[in-house]
Amino acid sequence: MGAQQQTTYQSGTRKIMHMMQYSQPEVYNCVCDQARHMGCSGKKHMKAILGCMKYCVDRPNCGLLLQPNALWDGNPKTPFIVSG
């Protein structure tokens, strides 16, 4: 892969890591596998990242949901419900 494609791969991996951390913990294994190839990735790695992103996008109602118990007024001590 060229330098531009490598940068795109690294950016995609970081985006998937963000999705995994905040809403899609079930993609953990995929993200770990792809993060190992940040330095030297190939076309098959880019295809795997795009497949993982498609999985996350196709399931918008799956994953973690952070939701306040009441109308949020900006108070950092507002309790939240974590549900899946």
Protein backbone atom coordinates (compact mmCIF):
# COMPACT_ATOMS: atom_id res chain seq x y z
CA MET A 1 0.00 0.00 0.00
CA GLY A 2 1.13 3.54 -0.67
CA ALA A 3 1.65 6.22 1.96
CA GLN A 4 -1.80 7.76 1.39
CA GLN A 5 -3.52 4.39 1.63
CA GLN A 6 -1.55 3.59 4.80
CA THR A 7 -2.71 6.87 6.34
CA THR A 8 -6.31 6.06 5.37
CA TYR A 9 -5.97 2.62 6.98
CA GLN A 10 -4.61 4.11 10.20
CA SER A 11 -7.40 6.69 10.29
CA GLY A 12 -10.02 3.97 9.74
CA THR A 13 -8.51 1.86 12.52
CA ARG A 14 -8.67 4.80 14.92
CA LYS A 15 -12.32 5.43 14.03
CA ILE A 16 -13.18 1.78 14.63
CA MET A 17 -11.36 1.95 18.00
CA HIS A 18 -13.53 4.94 18.95
CA MET A 19 -16.72 3.09 17.98
CA MET A 20 -15.58 0.03 19.91
CA GLN A 21 -14.82 2.02 23.04
CA TYR A 22 -18.01 4.04 23.20
CA SER A 23 -20.75 1.99 21.56
CA GLN A 24 -19.75 -1.30 19.90
CA PRO A 25 -17.70 -3.44 22.32
CA GLU A 26 -18.47 -6.61 20.34
CA VAL A 27 -15.98 -5.58 17.61
CA TYR A 28 -13.06 -5.74 20.07
CA ASN A 29 -11.37 -8.77 18.47
CA CYS A 30 -11.61 -7.32 14.98
CA VAL A 31 -10.12 -4.01 16.14
CA CYS A 32 -7.26 -5.72 17.99
CA ASP A 33 -6.41 -7.78 14.92
CA GLN A 34 -6.40 -4.74 12.67
CA ALA A 35 -4.45 -2.52 15.08
CA ARG A 36 -1.53 -4.97 14.87
CA HIS A 37 -1.09 -4.01 11.21
CA MET A 38 -0.99 -0.22 11.64
CA GLY A 39 2.64 -0.08 10.50
CA CYS A 40 2.40 -2.25 7.38
CA SER A 41 -1.03 -3.11 6.12
CA GLY A 42 -2.23 -4.53 2.83
CA LYS A 43 -5.40 -4.51 0.79
CA LYS A 44 -6.87 -7.41 2.77
CA HIS A 45 -6.46 -5.40 6.00
CA MET A 46 -8.23 -2.39 4.48
CA LYS A 47 -11.04 -4.71 3.34
CA ALA A 48 -11.34 -6.06 6.91
CA ILE A 49 -11.56 -2.52 8.38
CA LEU A 50 -14.26 -1.56 5.88
CA GLY A 51 -16.17 -4.76 6.73
CA CYS A 52 -15.99 -3.95 10.43
CA MET A 53 -17.22 -0.39 9.78
CA LYS A 54 -20.09 -1.76 7.68
CA TYR A 55 -21.02 -4.11 10.52
CA CYS A 56 -21.20 -1.16 12.95
CA VAL A 57 -23.13 1.08 10.55
CA ASP A 58 -25.64 -1.66 9.69
CA ARG A 59 -26.52 -2.11 13.39
CA PRO A 60 -27.24 1.41 14.72
CA ASN A 61 -29.56 0.15 17.47
CA CYS A 62 -27.09 -2.43 18.81
CA GLY A 63 -24.34 -1.74 21.31
CA LEU A 64 -24.19 0.48 24.36
CA LEU A 65 -26.56 3.35 24.95
CA LEU A 66 -25.86 6.07 27.53
CA GLN A 67 -29.06 7.77 28.53
CA PRO A 68 -29.81 10.21 31.39
CA ASN A 69 -32.53 9.30 33.89
CA ALA A 70 -34.06 12.74 33.49
CA LEU A 71 -33.67 15.86 31.38
CA TRP A 72 -29.98 16.77 31.53
CA ASP A 73 -29.34 20.28 32.87
CA GLY A 74 -25.54 20.19 32.49
CA ASN A 75 -24.91 18.86 35.98
CA PRO A 76 -22.00 16.38 35.86
CA LYS A 77 -23.56 14.39 38.72
CA THR A 78 -26.63 13.48 36.65
CA PRO A 79 -27.10 9.68 36.88
CA PHE A 80 -26.99 7.70 33.64
CA ILE A 81 -28.41 4.33 32.66
CA VAL A 82 -26.14 2.03 30.66
CA SER A 83 -28.05 -0.50 28.63
CA GLY A 84 -27.29 -2.77 25.70
